Amino acid sequence: MLLKRSLPKIRWKYGVNPWQQVDWLLFCLPVAVSIFGGIMILSTELKQPVADWWWHWLVAGIGILISLFLARSRYEFLLQWHWVTYVLTNFSLIAVMIAGTSAKGAQRWISIAGFNVQPSEFAKVGIIITLAALLHRRTAATLPNFFRALAFTALPWGLVFIQPDLATSLVFGAIVLGMLYWANANPGWLILLISPIVAAILFGTSWPLSEPLIVFEQLSFGVLGLAWSVAMAIVGWRTLPWQRFGISSIGAWLLNMLGGELGIFAWNHILREYQKDRLTVFLRPGHDLLGAGYHQHQSRIAIGAGEIWGWGLFKGPMTQLNFVPEQHTDFIFSAVGEEFGFLGCLLLLFVFCLICFRLLHIAQTAKDNFGSLLAIGVLSMIVFQLIVNVGMTVGLAPVAGIPLPWMSYGRSAMLTNFIALGIVESVANFRQRQKYYS
């Protein structure tokens, strides 16, 4: 009799044991966000003959199963197969260029069994695995290892950039910076890494003067750009090893001068007018309200109309009358703001903060550097996408086409997020148990 009573308990423990160390709070929060995302997508398309909300939930369900499978699988196998992952990542990105499907001026998708798959989304996970494998033993504390990691990420980044997929290439950059920092890279090196991009922006800014300084006919720069280049020269002198004869300082200065001049050249001769407007319209809220500024203008109106409590589910006028373009994808946060108000937005952001804190906790408590780097790579990906997406919906960032994780409609993005979640849960599941003694 006693044996019969104990059997169900034994079976229950046997079934749960493979996921015993899983961080269930981290797992359940994205699931809840995915469910809420489907409801908001339904709200944005309530009066349209589409059913993207159903696909959103279906793909999320598949992602949950994949995530649970990965959580009970040892993440160390990714280290053994990281070169295979790297090759497959680059192969898929090359395949897009050869046999991809074009939409909205970009060739980013491959049609498989009637479904469009976006390899650049899955490449985010591939780059996280590659960098974690490269940095888990040879940290980025030395310049050779630092440049080694950059060299291996340059190829997939370049393949994504020329699709063109600027949004995903920016996410790649955030992942690389976050993982290099976690792998003990000198912060000064990371500043120098992104400094040419900052110089390209500042060189075209004439403030505080009315016009940029013109040295030669084809060479001009703003005062801010010049000051930035001098500051980077100081950073290079203090952080780089080649200090003799001021080589490190001169090299950093020349790098920023070159980046600034290339930025001006690209602005004047490469970028088209609509691309310029898309990058700068958030700085001029009232500019081109029927053109480049239309998306953000309508999004801000929708969020502002929600006030504190919101209009209520399925009751937002801007959302129900489809005044916000692409609201079910990149601008899903505006639907939350209109129908659930300021408090609804705060609650959603609080949930994302909890997700990020749990990812950081797993990165800190992982049993090895490889697992810690995997978690920090996923954290960098989620944080950057969250900040940029919310920023562009409220007019604090340019419209970059970056989805809100687990909320925006996008089948490849949804699967990518759950695959990344499953890998981090595997890191949590196979941590060494901590013992406490009284």
Protein backbone atom coordinates (compact mmCIF):
# COMPACT_ATOMS: atom_id res chain seq x y z
CA MET A 1 0.00 0.00 0.00
CA LEU A 2 2.81 2.35 0.90
CA LEU A 3 4.57 1.52 -2.39
CA LYS A 4 1.45 2.37 -4.42
CA ARG A 5 1.13 5.73 -2.73
CA SER A 6 4.74 6.61 -3.43
CA LEU A 7 4.66 5.70 -7.15
CA PRO A 8 2.81 8.82 -8.39
CA LYS A 9 5.19 11.03 -6.43
CA ILE A 10 8.19 9.26 -7.93
CA ARG A 11 6.77 9.62 -11.45
CA TRP A 12 6.04 13.29 -10.88
CA LYS A 13 9.62 13.94 -9.73
CA TYR A 14 10.95 11.98 -12.71
CA GLY A 15 8.97 14.15 -15.11
CA VAL A 16 9.97 17.46 -13.51
CA ASN A 17 13.59 16.61 -12.69
CA PRO A 18 15.06 17.57 -16.13
CA TRP A 19 13.87 21.18 -15.56
CA GLN A 20 14.46 21.32 -11.80
CA GLN A 21 16.93 24.23 -11.89
CA VAL A 22 15.15 26.19 -14.63
CA ASP A 23 14.42 29.84 -13.82
CA TRP A 24 10.63 29.59 -14.09
CA LEU A 25 10.08 33.30 -13.53
CA LEU A 26 12.29 34.06 -16.52
CA PHE A 27 10.47 31.44 -18.57
CA CYS A 28 6.92 32.46 -17.66
CA LEU A 29 7.36 36.20 -18.16
CA PRO A 30 8.13 35.99 -21.93
CA VAL A 31 5.26 33.51 -22.31
CA ALA A 32 2.93 36.03 -20.67
CA VAL A 33 4.30 38.83 -22.88
CA SER A 34 3.70 36.65 -25.96
CA ILE A 35 0.08 36.04 -24.94
CA PHE A 36 -0.43 39.74 -24.33
CA GLY A 37 1.26 40.51 -27.65
CA GLY A 38 -1.24 38.29 -29.47
CA ILE A 39 -4.12 40.14 -27.81
CA MET A 40 -2.70 43.51 -28.87
CA ILE A 41 -2.14 42.28 -32.44
CA LEU A 42 -5.78 41.16 -32.48
CA SER A 43 -6.77 44.64 -31.35
CA THR A 44 -4.79 46.34 -34.13
CA GLU A 45 -6.36 44.07 -36.79
CA LEU A 46 -9.85 43.68 -35.35
CA LYS A 47 -11.46 45.30 -38.37
CA GLN A 48 -9.14 43.78 -40.97
CA PRO A 49 -9.49 40.43 -42.78
CA VAL A 50 -6.27 39.01 -41.32
CA ALA A 51 -5.44 36.71 -38.41
CA ASP A 52 -1.84 37.50 -37.52
CA TRP A 53 -2.66 37.15 -33.81
CA TRP A 54 -3.37 33.47 -34.38
CA TRP A 55 0.00 32.99 -36.11
CA HIS A 56 1.65 34.92 -33.31
CA TRP A 57 0.35 32.49 -30.71
CA LEU A 58 1.02 29.42 -32.85
CA VAL A 59 4.66 30.35 -33.46
CA ALA A 60 5.01 31.27 -29.78
CA GLY A 61 3.72 27.79 -28.86
CA ILE A 62 6.33 26.20 -31.13
CA GLY A 63 8.96 28.46 -29.61
CA ILE A 64 7.95 27.42 -26.09
CA LEU A 65 8.41 23.74 -26.97
CA ILE A 66 11.82 24.45 -28.51
CA SER A 67 12.78 26.48 -25.45
CA LEU A 68 11.79 23.66 -23.07
CA PHE A 69 13.77 21.16 -25.15
CA LEU A 70 16.86 23.39 -25.10
CA ALA A 71 16.46 24.02 -21.36
CA ARG A 72 16.83 20.29 -20.59
CA SER A 73 19.74 19.88 -23.05
CA ARG A 74 23.24 20.69 -21.89
CA TYR A 75 24.36 23.98 -23.41
CA GLU A 76 27.97 22.74 -23.58
CA PHE A 77 27.16 20.95 -26.85
CA LEU A 78 26.95 24.40 -28.46
CA LEU A 79 30.63 24.87 -27.64
CA GLN A 80 31.53 21.65 -29.42
CA TRP A 81 29.58 22.65 -32.53
CA HIS A 82 30.15 26.40 -32.58
CA TRP A 83 32.13 26.32 -35.84
CA VAL A 84 29.29 24.43 -37.49
CA THR A 85 26.89 27.05 -36.16
CA TYR A 86 29.13 29.81 -37.53
CA VAL A 87 29.34 28.23 -40.99
CA LEU A 88 25.58 27.58 -41.15
CA THR A 89 24.89 31.17 -40.07
CA ASN A 90 27.02 32.61 -42.87
CA PHE A 91 25.72 30.08 -45.39
CA SER A 92 22.12 31.06 -44.66
CA LEU A 93 22.97 34.75 -45.06
CA ILE A 94 24.68 34.07 -48.38
CA ALA A 95 21.71 31.96 -49.51
CA VAL A 96 19.47 35.01 -48.97
CA MET A 97 21.58 36.99 -51.42
CA ILE A 98 21.36 34.22 -54.03
CA ALA A 99 17.81 32.91 -53.71
CA GLY A 100 16.12 35.30 -51.31
CA THR A 101 12.72 36.96 -51.53
CA SER A 102 12.59 40.75 -51.78
CA ALA A 103 10.13 43.00 -49.97
CA LYS A 104 10.13 46.75 -49.27
CA GLY A 105 13.43 47.24 -51.11
CA ALA A 106 15.39 44.60 -49.18
CA GLN A 107 16.22 40.95 -49.81
CA ARG A 108 16.04 39.36 -46.35
CA TRP A 109 13.81 36.30 -46.61
CA ILE A 110 14.02 32.74 -47.90
CA SER A 111 10.83 30.96 -48.86
CA ILE A 112 10.64 27.49 -47.25
CA ALA A 113 7.49 25.40 -47.75
CA GLY A 114 5.52 28.55 -48.48
CA PHE A 115 6.77 30.42 -45.40
CA ASN A 116 9.19 33.33 -45.45
CA VAL A 117 12.09 32.75 -43.06
CA GLN A 118 14.45 35.58 -42.14
CA PRO A 119 17.95 34.12 -41.55
CA SER A 120 19.30 37.38 -40.17
CA GLU A 121 17.06 36.92 -37.12
CA PHE A 122 18.49 33.47 -36.36
CA ALA A 123 21.97 34.86 -37.06
CA LYS A 124 21.64 36.83 -33.82
CA VAL A 125 21.76 33.56 -31.87
CA GLY A 126 24.55 32.29 -34.12
CA ILE A 127 26.70 35.33 -33.38
CA ILE A 128 26.06 34.98 -29.63
CA ILE A 129 27.19 31.34 -29.69
CA THR A 130 30.25 32.17 -31.80
CA LEU A 131 31.41 35.01 -29.58
CA ALA A 132 30.79 33.04 -26.38
CA ALA A 133 32.90 30.19 -27.74
CA LEU A 134 35.72 32.53 -28.81
CA LEU A 135 35.82 34.48 -25.55
CA HIS A 136 35.18 31.87 -22.88
CA ARG A 137 38.87 30.93 -22.60
CA ARG A 138 40.64 33.78 -24.38
CA THR A 139 39.00 36.84 -22.90
CA ALA A 140 38.99 40.22 -24.63
CA ALA A 141 41.47 41.63 -22.09
CA THR A 142 44.21 41.65 -24.77
CA LEU A 143 44.08 43.40 -28.14
CA PRO A 144 44.82 40.22 -30.19
CA ASN A 145 41.82 38.45 -28.68
CA PHE A 146 39.74 41.61 -28.97
CA PHE A 147 40.43 41.91 -32.71
CA ARG A 148 40.07 38.16 -33.17
CA ALA A 149 36.51 38.32 -31.89
CA LEU A 150 35.76 41.32 -34.12
CA ALA A 151 37.21 39.58 -37.16
CA PHE A 152 34.91 36.58 -36.86
CA THR A 153 31.83 38.74 -36.36
CA ALA A 154 32.68 41.03 -39.29
CA LEU A 155 31.60 38.52 -41.96
CA PRO A 156 28.01 37.85 -40.77
CA TRP A 157 27.61 41.52 -39.85
CA GLY A 158 28.67 42.56 -43.34
CA LEU A 159 26.35 40.02 -44.99
CA VAL A 160 23.41 41.38 -42.98
CA PHE A 161 24.34 45.01 -43.64
CA ILE A 162 24.38 44.64 -47.44
CA GLN A 163 20.94 42.96 -47.62
CA PRO A 164 20.32 45.79 -46.53
CA ASP A 165 19.13 45.18 -42.97
CA LEU A 166 20.39 48.12 -40.94
CA ALA A 167 18.18 47.25 -37.95
CA THR A 168 19.61 43.76 -37.44
CA SER A 169 23.16 44.98 -38.06
CA LEU A 170 22.66 47.46 -35.21
CA VAL A 171 21.49 44.61 -32.96
CA PHE A 172 24.64 42.70 -33.94
CA GLY A 173 26.70 45.70 -32.82
CA ALA A 174 24.92 45.83 -29.46
CA ILE A 175 25.51 42.10 -28.91
CA VAL A 176 29.21 42.39 -29.73
CA LEU A 177 29.73 45.41 -27.47
CA GLY A 178 27.90 43.79 -24.56
CA MET A 179 29.78 40.50 -24.81
CA LEU A 180 33.18 42.14 -25.28
CA TYR A 181 32.58 44.27 -22.19
CA TRP A 182 31.57 41.18 -20.19
CA ALA A 183 34.73 39.44 -21.46
CA ASN A 184 36.92 42.09 -19.77
CA ALA A 185 37.59 44.29 -22.78
CA ASN A 186 38.97 47.70 -21.89
CA PRO A 187 36.04 50.18 -21.93
CA GLY A 188 38.28 52.61 -23.80
CA TRP A 189 38.62 50.12 -26.66
CA LEU A 190 34.84 49.84 -26.89
CA ILE A 191 34.53 53.62 -27.00
CA LEU A 192 37.12 53.77 -29.77
CA LEU A 193 35.26 51.02 -31.61
CA ILE A 194 32.09 53.10 -31.94
CA SER A 195 33.84 56.48 -32.03
CA PRO A 196 33.96 56.78 -35.87
CA ILE A 197 30.15 56.49 -35.99
CA VAL A 198 29.81 59.27 -33.41
CA ALA A 199 32.35 61.33 -35.34
CA ALA A 200 30.36 60.83 -38.54
CA ILE A 201 27.35 62.38 -36.79
CA LEU A 202 29.19 65.22 -35.06
CA PHE A 203 31.21 66.25 -38.10
CA GLY A 204 27.99 67.17 -39.88
CA THR A 205 26.80 69.25 -36.91
CA SER A 206 27.76 72.91 -37.22
CA TRP A 207 26.70 73.90 -33.68
CA PRO A 208 27.73 76.17 -31.98
CA LEU A 209 28.66 77.87 -35.27
CA SER A 210 26.22 78.58 -38.08
CA GLU A 211 28.29 76.70 -40.67
CA PRO A 212 30.87 73.88 -40.50
CA LEU A 213 34.55 74.84 -40.64
CA ILE A 214 35.90 74.45 -44.20
CA VAL A 215 39.61 73.62 -44.44
CA PHE A 216 39.78 72.67 -48.11
CA GLU A 217 37.11 72.53 -50.79
CA GLN A 218 36.24 68.91 -49.97
CA LEU A 219 37.21 68.91 -46.28
CA SER A 220 34.98 70.39 -43.58
CA PHE A 221 34.06 69.59 -40.02
CA GLY A 222 32.07 70.93 -37.10
CA VAL A 223 33.52 72.13 -33.83
CA LEU A 224 31.90 69.21 -31.96
CA GLY A 225 33.47 66.73 -34.37
CA LEU A 226 36.91 68.25 -33.88
CA ALA A 227 36.50 68.22 -30.09
CA TRP A 228 35.36 64.60 -30.22
CA SER A 229 38.42 63.59 -32.28
CA VAL A 230 40.73 65.25 -29.76
CA ALA A 231 38.94 63.46 -26.91
CA MET A 232 39.33 60.13 -28.68
CA ALA A 233 43.03 60.86 -29.19
CA ILE A 234 43.33 61.14 -25.41
CA VAL A 235 41.38 57.89 -24.94
CA GLY A 236 43.68 56.15 -27.43
CA TRP A 237 46.77 57.44 -25.67
CA ARG A 238 45.50 56.25 -22.27
CA THR A 239 44.20 52.80 -23.30
CA LEU A 240 46.18 51.58 -26.32
CA PRO A 241 49.65 50.05 -25.88
CA TRP A 242 51.40 51.93 -28.71
CA GLN A 243 52.21 55.09 -26.77
CA ARG A 244 55.72 55.66 -28.09
CA PHE A 245 55.90 58.73 -30.34
CA GLY A 246 52.18 59.20 -29.73
CA ILE A 247 51.23 56.48 -32.23
CA SER A 248 48.15 55.41 -30.29
CA SER A 249 46.94 58.98 -29.92
CA ILE A 250 47.55 59.90 -33.54
CA GLY A 251 45.94 56.68 -34.75
CA ALA A 252 42.76 57.28 -32.72
CA TRP A 253 42.60 60.88 -33.93
CA LEU A 254 43.03 59.90 -37.59
CA LEU A 255 40.42 57.14 -37.23
CA ASN A 256 37.82 59.65 -36.06
CA MET A 257 38.78 62.27 -38.63
CA LEU A 258 38.40 59.65 -41.35
CA GLY A 259 35.09 58.43 -39.91
CA GLY A 260 33.78 61.97 -39.77
CA GLU A 261 34.72 62.79 -43.36
CA LEU A 262 33.29 59.49 -44.62
CA GLY A 263 30.07 60.32 -42.77
CA ILE A 264 29.83 63.71 -44.50
CA PHE A 265 30.56 62.11 -47.88
CA ALA A 266 27.90 59.44 -47.34
CA TRP A 267 25.37 62.07 -46.26
CA ASN A 268 25.99 64.26 -49.31
CA HIS A 269 26.54 61.66 -52.02
CA ILE A 270 25.19 58.22 -50.98
CA LEU A 271 22.10 58.58 -48.80
CA ARG A 272 18.86 59.50 -50.54
CA GLU A 273 16.53 62.18 -49.25
CA TYR A 274 13.99 59.76 -47.79
CA GLN A 275 16.79 57.95 -45.94
CA LYS A 276 18.03 61.23 -44.48
CA ASP A 277 14.52 62.13 -43.38
CA ARG A 278 14.04 58.75 -41.75
CA LEU A 279 17.22 59.19 -39.71
CA THR A 280 16.58 62.77 -38.60
CA VAL A 281 12.81 63.18 -38.45
CA PHE A 282 12.66 62.26 -34.74
CA LEU A 283 14.78 65.36 -34.05
CA ARG A 284 12.14 67.52 -35.80
CA PRO A 285 8.77 66.30 -34.49
CA GLY A 286 6.74 68.62 -36.74
CA HIS A 287 8.63 67.90 -39.96
CA ASP A 288 7.02 66.10 -42.91
CA LEU A 289 3.98 64.85 -41.00
CA LEU A 290 2.49 63.30 -44.14
CA GLY A 291 5.74 61.65 -45.21
CA ALA A 292 8.76 60.44 -43.24
CA GLY A 293 7.36 61.71 -39.94
CA TYR A 294 3.91 60.16 -40.32
CA HIS A 295 4.60 56.90 -38.46
CA GLN A 296 6.09 58.50 -35.36
CA HIS A 297 3.59 61.36 -35.34
CA GLN A 298 0.62 58.98 -35.34
CA SER A 299 2.30 56.75 -32.76
CA ARG A 300 2.86 59.67 -30.37
CA ILE A 301 -0.75 60.77 -30.77
CA ALA A 302 -1.98 57.24 -29.98
CA ILE A 303 0.20 56.92 -26.87
CA GLY A 304 -0.74 60.40 -25.67
CA ALA A 305 -4.43 59.70 -26.20
CA GLY A 306 -4.22 56.82 -23.72
CA GLU A 307 -3.36 59.22 -20.89
CA ILE A 308 -3.15 57.44 -17.52
CA TRP A 309 -5.64 54.56 -17.73
CA GLY A 310 -6.13 54.11 -21.48
CA TRP A 311 -9.30 53.70 -23.53
CA GLY A 312 -9.64 50.00 -22.76
CA LEU A 313 -9.01 46.86 -24.79
CA PHE A 314 -10.41 47.05 -28.36
CA LYS A 315 -11.55 50.65 -27.73
CA GLY A 316 -8.59 52.79 -28.82
CA PRO A 317 -9.75 55.10 -31.66
CA MET A 318 -6.32 55.38 -33.34
CA THR A 319 -5.78 51.63 -33.08
CA GLN A 320 -9.24 50.54 -34.20
CA LEU A 321 -9.30 52.97 -37.15
CA ASN A 322 -5.80 51.88 -38.28
CA PHE A 323 -4.25 55.34 -38.09
CA VAL A 324 -0.84 53.96 -37.03
CA PRO A 325 0.97 52.11 -39.88
CA GLU A 326 2.71 48.82 -39.08
CA GLN A 327 1.12 48.87 -35.63
CA HIS A 328 1.03 45.08 -35.32
CA THR A 329 4.81 44.87 -35.82
CA ASP A 330 7.21 47.72 -35.03
CA PHE A 331 4.62 50.04 -33.43
CA ILE A 332 2.78 47.56 -31.20
CA PHE A 333 3.81 49.58 -28.14
CA SER A 334 1.63 52.47 -29.32
CA ALA A 335 -1.43 50.19 -29.12
CA VAL A 336 -0.51 49.35 -25.54
CA GLY A 337 -0.17 53.05 -24.74
CA GLU A 338 -3.53 53.98 -26.25
CA GLU A 339 -5.62 51.13 -24.85
CA PHE A 340 -3.91 50.63 -21.46
CA GLY A 341 -2.48 54.08 -20.88
CA PHE A 342 0.60 55.19 -19.02
CA LEU A 343 0.13 52.58 -16.30
CA GLY A 344 -0.14 49.78 -18.85
CA CYS A 345 3.10 50.90 -20.49
CA LEU A 346 4.83 51.04 -17.11
CA LEU A 347 3.65 47.53 -16.24
CA LEU A 348 4.90 46.14 -19.56
CA LEU A 349 8.27 47.85 -19.14
CA PHE A 350 8.45 46.52 -15.57
CA VAL A 351 7.98 42.98 -16.89
CA PHE A 352 10.79 43.52 -19.38
CA CYS A 353 12.99 44.83 -16.58
CA LEU A 354 12.33 41.65 -14.59
CA ILE A 355 13.30 39.57 -17.63
CA CYS A 356 16.54 41.53 -17.99
CA PHE A 357 17.38 41.23 -14.28
CA ARG A 358 16.88 37.46 -14.40
CA LEU A 359 19.13 37.23 -17.48
CA LEU A 360 21.79 39.23 -15.64
CA HIS A 361 21.44 37.00 -12.56
CA ILE A 362 21.99 33.87 -14.66
CA ALA A 363 25.02 35.46 -16.31
CA GLN A 364 26.48 36.15 -12.84
CA THR A 365 25.78 32.68 -11.45
CA ALA A 366 26.66 30.52 -14.47
CA LYS A 367 29.12 27.74 -13.74
CA ASP A 368 31.52 28.75 -16.54
CA ASN A 369 32.45 31.66 -18.78
CA PHE A 370 30.74 30.13 -21.81
CA GLY A 371 27.36 30.02 -20.12
CA SER A 372 27.82 33.48 -18.64
CA LEU A 373 28.65 34.95 -22.06
CA LEU A 374 25.64 33.25 -23.64
CA ALA A 375 23.35 34.86 -21.08
CA ILE A 376 24.93 38.30 -21.44
CA GLY A 377 24.65 38.08 -25.23
CA VAL A 378 20.93 37.40 -25.00
CA LEU A 379 20.58 40.21 -22.45
CA SER A 380 22.35 42.66 -24.81
CA MET A 381 20.04 41.64 -27.65
CA ILE A 382 16.84 42.09 -25.63
CA VAL A 383 17.86 45.36 -23.97
CA PHE A 384 18.89 47.03 -27.22
CA GLN A 385 15.74 45.98 -29.07
CA LEU A 386 13.58 47.12 -26.15
CA ILE A 387 15.21 50.57 -25.89
CA VAL A 388 15.20 51.28 -29.64
CA ASN A 389 11.66 50.02 -30.25
CA VAL A 390 10.09 51.94 -27.37
CA GLY A 391 12.26 54.95 -28.20
CA MET A 392 11.07 55.12 -31.80
CA THR A 393 7.39 54.77 -30.86
CA VAL A 394 7.60 57.78 -28.52
CA GLY A 395 9.81 59.82 -30.85
CA LEU A 396 13.14 59.51 -29.01
CA ALA A 397 14.88 57.36 -31.64
CA PRO A 398 14.77 57.04 -35.44
CA VAL A 399 12.44 54.47 -37.01
CA ALA A 400 14.84 51.55 -37.34
CA GLY A 401 12.46 48.65 -37.96
CA ILE A 402 13.42 46.81 -34.76
CA PRO A 403 10.57 44.71 -33.26
CA LEU A 404 9.59 44.62 -29.59
CA PRO A 405 10.64 41.16 -28.28
CA TRP A 406 7.75 38.68 -27.87
CA MET A 407 5.24 41.47 -28.57
CA SER A 408 5.64 42.43 -32.23
CA TYR A 409 4.37 40.15 -34.96
CA GLY A 410 7.22 38.33 -36.67
CA ARG A 411 7.58 34.58 -36.90
CA SER A 412 11.37 34.44 -37.31
CA ALA A 413 11.89 37.00 -34.53
CA MET A 414 9.57 35.08 -32.18
CA LEU A 415 11.38 31.78 -32.73
CA THR A 416 14.76 33.50 -32.33
CA ASN A 417 13.74 34.99 -28.98
CA PHE A 418 12.50 31.66 -27.63
CA ILE A 419 15.58 29.81 -28.89
CA ALA A 420 17.74 32.38 -27.09
CA LEU A 421 15.58 31.98 -23.98
CA GLY A 422 15.96 28.20 -24.09
CA ILE A 423 19.74 28.46 -24.29
CA VAL A 424 19.85 30.75 -21.25
CA GLU A 425 17.49 28.44 -19.37
CA SER A 426 19.89 25.60 -20.11
CA VAL A 427 22.67 27.67 -18.52
CA ALA A 428 20.43 28.13 -15.46
CA ASN A 429 19.32 24.50 -15.40
CA PHE A 430 22.84 23.09 -15.33
CA ARG A 431 24.37 25.46 -12.81
CA GLN A 432 26.15 23.87 -9.90
CA ARG A 433 23.85 23.86 -6.91
CA GLN A 434 24.83 26.31 -4.23
CA LYS A 435 25.04 24.87 -0.72
CA TYR A 436 24.27 26.99 2.30
CA TYR A 437 25.51 26.20 5.76
CA SER A 438 24.05 27.63 8.94
